[in-house]
Amino acid sequence: MAKPVNFFCFAPQARQVALVGDFNDWRPDAHPMIRQPDGSWHVVIPLNHGHHHYQFLVDNHPTLDPRATGIARNEKNERVSLIAIS
């Protein structure tokens, strides 16, 4: 059963931000984020129980989430953010 999860990225100078991860095959067009008045970016997506790897693409630059549950490595041995959904 999927549950809605809020993602926030503080990037006031960014022109675009997207959420990419194992839940959307790392596709930048799958979850574009919406700019908020305070300069943060937001998106809500449904995630299933378990651990998920993800990153923010801030103007196409991979960026870790400082609020993530932890840091993991993807299949290319790159650092990615980790979230645990229970």
N, C-alpha and C. Protein backbone atom coordinates (compact mmCIF):
# COMPACT_ATOMS: atom_id res chain seq x y z
N MET A 1 0.85 -1.18 0.00
CA MET A 1 0.00 0.00 0.00
C MET A 1 0.89 1.24 0.00
N ALA A 2 0.70 2.09 -0.99
CA ALA A 2 1.50 3.31 -1.11
C ALA A 2 0.98 4.38 -0.17
N LYS A 3 1.91 5.18 0.33
CA LYS A 3 1.50 6.29 1.19
C LYS A 3 2.11 7.57 0.64
N PRO A 4 1.39 8.70 0.71
CA PRO A 4 1.90 9.95 0.16
C PRO A 4 3.08 10.47 0.98
N VAL A 5 4.14 10.84 0.28
CA VAL A 5 5.36 11.33 0.93
C VAL A 5 5.70 12.71 0.36
N ASN A 6 5.93 13.67 1.25
CA ASN A 6 6.31 15.02 0.86
C ASN A 6 7.82 15.12 0.73
N PHE A 7 8.29 15.70 -0.36
CA PHE A 7 9.70 15.98 -0.56
C PHE A 7 9.86 17.49 -0.71
N PHE A 8 10.84 18.04 -0.01
CA PHE A 8 11.15 19.47 -0.08
C PHE A 8 12.62 19.65 -0.41
N CYS A 9 12.92 20.59 -1.27
CA CYS A 9 14.30 20.93 -1.62
C CYS A 9 14.42 22.45 -1.55
N PHE A 10 15.36 22.95 -0.74
CA PHE A 10 15.56 24.40 -0.64
C PHE A 10 16.62 24.80 -1.66
N ALA A 11 16.18 25.45 -2.73
CA ALA A 11 17.06 25.88 -3.81
C ALA A 11 16.50 27.16 -4.41
N PRO A 12 16.58 28.28 -3.68
CA PRO A 12 15.93 29.52 -4.14
C PRO A 12 16.46 30.06 -5.46
N GLN A 13 17.69 29.73 -5.83
CA GLN A 13 18.26 30.25 -7.08
C GLN A 13 17.98 29.35 -8.29
N ALA A 14 17.41 28.18 -8.04
CA ALA A 14 17.21 27.21 -9.12
C ALA A 14 16.13 27.65 -10.09
N ARG A 15 16.30 27.25 -11.34
CA ARG A 15 15.29 27.48 -12.37
C ARG A 15 14.33 26.31 -12.47
N GLN A 16 14.84 25.11 -12.14
CA GLN A 16 13.98 23.91 -12.13
C GLN A 16 14.58 22.87 -11.20
N VAL A 17 13.70 22.11 -10.58
CA VAL A 17 14.11 21.03 -9.68
C VAL A 17 13.19 19.84 -9.95
N ALA A 18 13.79 18.66 -9.99
CA ALA A 18 13.02 17.42 -10.19
C ALA A 18 13.46 16.40 -9.15
N LEU A 19 12.56 15.50 -8.83
CA LEU A 19 12.85 14.39 -7.93
C LEU A 19 13.05 13.14 -8.78
N VAL A 20 14.20 12.50 -8.65
CA VAL A 20 14.48 11.27 -9.38
C VAL A 20 14.84 10.18 -8.38
N GLY A 21 14.52 8.94 -8.71
CA GLY A 21 14.85 7.86 -7.81
C GLY A 21 14.49 6.51 -8.38
N ASP A 22 14.72 5.48 -7.56
CA ASP A 22 14.41 4.12 -8.01
C ASP A 22 12.91 3.92 -8.23
N PHE A 23 12.09 4.79 -7.67
CA PHE A 23 10.63 4.69 -7.81
C PHE A 23 10.13 5.26 -9.13
N ASN A 24 10.98 5.98 -9.88
CA ASN A 24 10.55 6.51 -11.18
C ASN A 24 11.61 6.25 -12.26
N ASP A 25 12.44 5.23 -12.04
CA ASP A 25 13.49 4.85 -12.99
C ASP A 25 14.47 5.99 -13.27
N TRP A 26 14.64 6.89 -12.29
CA TRP A 26 15.59 8.01 -12.37
C TRP A 26 15.28 8.95 -13.54
N ARG A 27 14.01 9.03 -13.91
CA ARG A 27 13.59 9.89 -15.03
C ARG A 27 13.33 11.32 -14.55
N PRO A 28 14.05 12.30 -15.07
CA PRO A 28 13.88 13.69 -14.63
C PRO A 28 12.51 14.29 -14.95
N ASP A 29 11.82 13.74 -15.94
CA ASP A 29 10.51 14.29 -16.32
C ASP A 29 9.36 13.70 -15.50
N ALA A 30 9.63 12.68 -14.68
CA ALA A 30 8.57 11.98 -13.98
C ALA A 30 7.98 12.78 -12.82
N HIS A 31 8.80 13.49 -12.05
CA HIS A 31 8.32 14.21 -10.88
C HIS A 31 8.95 15.61 -10.78
N PRO A 32 8.53 16.53 -11.65
CA PRO A 32 9.02 17.90 -11.50
C PRO A 32 8.49 18.49 -10.19
N MET A 33 9.31 19.30 -9.55
CA MET A 33 8.90 19.89 -8.27
C MET A 33 8.36 21.30 -8.53
N ILE A 34 7.53 21.78 -7.60
CA ILE A 34 6.86 23.08 -7.74
C ILE A 34 7.50 24.07 -6.79
N ARG A 35 7.89 25.23 -7.34
CA ARG A 35 8.51 26.28 -6.54
C ARG A 35 7.50 26.87 -5.56
N GLN A 36 7.95 27.05 -4.32
CA GLN A 36 7.13 27.65 -3.26
C GLN A 36 7.57 29.11 -3.05
N PRO A 37 6.75 29.94 -2.44
CA PRO A 37 7.10 31.36 -2.24
C PRO A 37 8.40 31.59 -1.47
N ASP A 38 8.76 30.65 -0.58
CA ASP A 38 9.98 30.84 0.23
C ASP A 38 11.25 30.37 -0.48
N GLY A 39 11.16 29.94 -1.73
CA GLY A 39 12.33 29.49 -2.48
C GLY A 39 12.56 28.00 -2.41
N SER A 40 11.73 27.29 -1.66
CA SER A 40 11.85 25.83 -1.62
C SER A 40 11.03 25.24 -2.77
N TRP A 41 11.26 23.97 -3.01
CA TRP A 41 10.55 23.24 -4.05
C TRP A 41 9.87 22.04 -3.39
N HIS A 42 8.70 21.66 -3.90
CA HIS A 42 7.89 20.63 -3.23
C HIS A 42 7.23 19.71 -4.25
N VAL A 43 7.12 18.44 -3.85
CA VAL A 43 6.33 17.47 -4.61
C VAL A 43 5.87 16.40 -3.63
N VAL A 44 4.70 15.84 -3.88
CA VAL A 44 4.16 14.73 -3.09
C VAL A 44 4.02 13.55 -4.04
N ILE A 45 4.60 12.41 -3.63
CA ILE A 45 4.45 11.21 -4.45
C ILE A 45 4.11 10.02 -3.55
N PRO A 46 3.38 9.05 -4.07
CA PRO A 46 3.06 7.85 -3.29
C PRO A 46 4.24 6.88 -3.35
N LEU A 47 4.66 6.38 -2.19
CA LEU A 47 5.74 5.39 -2.12
C LEU A 47 5.28 4.18 -1.34
N ASN A 48 5.72 3.02 -1.78
CA ASN A 48 5.43 1.77 -1.09
C ASN A 48 6.39 1.57 0.07
N HIS A 49 6.01 0.68 0.97
CA HIS A 49 6.83 0.30 2.12
C HIS A 49 8.22 -0.13 1.65
N GLY A 50 9.26 0.28 2.39
CA GLY A 50 10.62 -0.15 2.08
C GLY A 50 11.58 1.02 2.01
N HIS A 51 12.77 0.73 1.52
CA HIS A 51 13.81 1.74 1.37
C HIS A 51 13.88 2.17 -0.08
N HIS A 52 14.03 3.47 -0.30
CA HIS A 52 14.09 4.02 -1.65
C HIS A 52 15.29 4.94 -1.77
N HIS A 53 15.97 4.86 -2.93
CA HIS A 53 17.10 5.73 -3.24
C HIS A 53 16.59 6.86 -4.13
N TYR A 54 17.11 8.08 -3.89
CA TYR A 54 16.64 9.22 -4.69
C TYR A 54 17.65 10.37 -4.63
N GLN A 55 17.45 11.35 -5.48
CA GLN A 55 18.20 12.61 -5.50
C GLN A 55 17.29 13.70 -6.02
N PHE A 56 17.70 14.93 -5.75
CA PHE A 56 17.08 16.07 -6.41
C PHE A 56 17.96 16.44 -7.60
N LEU A 57 17.35 16.81 -8.71
CA LEU A 57 18.09 17.38 -9.83
C LEU A 57 17.82 18.88 -9.80
N VAL A 58 18.80 19.63 -9.34
CA VAL A 58 18.69 21.09 -9.25
C VAL A 58 19.38 21.67 -10.47
N ASP A 59 18.60 22.21 -11.39
CA ASP A 59 19.13 22.67 -12.68
C ASP A 59 20.02 21.59 -13.31
N ASN A 60 19.53 20.36 -13.28
CA ASN A 60 20.17 19.18 -13.85
C ASN A 60 21.43 18.70 -13.11
N HIS A 61 21.69 19.22 -11.91
CA HIS A 61 22.82 18.77 -11.10
C HIS A 61 22.30 17.88 -9.97
N PRO A 62 22.77 16.63 -9.88
CA PRO A 62 22.34 15.74 -8.80
C PRO A 62 22.71 16.33 -7.44
N THR A 63 21.74 16.34 -6.53
CA THR A 63 21.91 16.95 -5.21
C THR A 63 21.33 16.03 -4.15
N LEU A 64 22.10 15.78 -3.08
CA LEU A 64 21.61 14.96 -1.98
C LEU A 64 20.61 15.75 -1.14
N ASP A 65 19.73 15.04 -0.48
CA ASP A 65 18.74 15.64 0.40
C ASP A 65 19.31 15.68 1.82
N PRO A 66 19.54 16.88 2.39
CA PRO A 66 20.08 16.95 3.75
C PRO A 66 19.12 16.39 4.81
N ARG A 67 17.83 16.23 4.47
CA ARG A 67 16.84 15.70 5.41
C ARG A 67 16.59 14.20 5.21
N ALA A 68 17.39 13.56 4.39
CA ALA A 68 17.19 12.13 4.08
C ALA A 68 17.40 11.27 5.32
N THR A 69 16.83 10.07 5.29
CA THR A 69 17.04 9.10 6.36
C THR A 69 18.51 8.72 6.43
N GLY A 70 19.17 8.69 5.29
CA GLY A 70 20.59 8.33 5.23
C GLY A 70 21.14 8.49 3.84
N ILE A 71 22.37 8.03 3.66
CA ILE A 71 23.05 8.06 2.37
C ILE A 71 23.34 6.62 1.96
N ALA A 72 23.15 6.31 0.69
CA ALA A 72 23.42 4.97 0.16
C ALA A 72 24.21 5.13 -1.14
N ARG A 73 24.50 4.02 -1.76
CA ARG A 73 25.19 4.01 -3.06
C ARG A 73 24.28 3.37 -4.09
N ASN A 74 24.25 3.95 -5.28
CA ASN A 74 23.45 3.36 -6.35
C ASN A 74 24.29 2.33 -7.10
N GLU A 75 23.74 1.79 -8.18
CA GLU A 75 24.44 0.75 -8.94
C GLU A 75 25.70 1.27 -9.62
N LYS A 76 25.86 2.59 -9.74
CA LYS A 76 27.09 3.19 -10.30
C LYS A 76 28.06 3.59 -9.19
N ASN A 77 27.75 3.21 -7.96
CA ASN A 77 28.55 3.53 -6.77
C ASN A 77 28.56 5.03 -6.46
N GLU A 78 27.54 5.76 -6.91
CA GLU A 78 27.40 7.18 -6.61
C GLU A 78 26.58 7.32 -5.33
N ARG A 79 26.87 8.37 -4.57
CA ARG A 79 26.10 8.63 -3.35
C ARG A 79 24.71 9.14 -3.71
N VAL A 80 23.70 8.57 -3.04
CA VAL A 80 22.31 8.98 -3.23
C VAL A 80 21.64 9.06 -1.86
N SER A 81 20.55 9.79 -1.80
CA SER A 81 19.78 9.90 -0.57
C SER A 81 18.94 8.64 -0.37
N LEU A 82 18.65 8.35 0.89
CA LEU A 82 17.87 7.17 1.25
C LEU A 82 16.69 7.58 2.10
N ILE A 83 15.52 7.01 1.80
CA ILE A 83 14.34 7.23 2.63
C ILE A 83 13.73 5.86 2.96
N ALA A 84 13.29 5.73 4.20
CA ALA A 84 12.64 4.50 4.66
C ALA A 84 11.16 4.78 4.88
N ILE A 85 10.31 4.01 4.25
CA ILE A 85 8.85 4.17 4.37
C ILE A 85 8.31 2.95 5.11
N SER A 86 7.56 3.22 6.20
CA SER A 86 6.99 2.09 6.96
C SER A 86 5.48 2.19 6.98
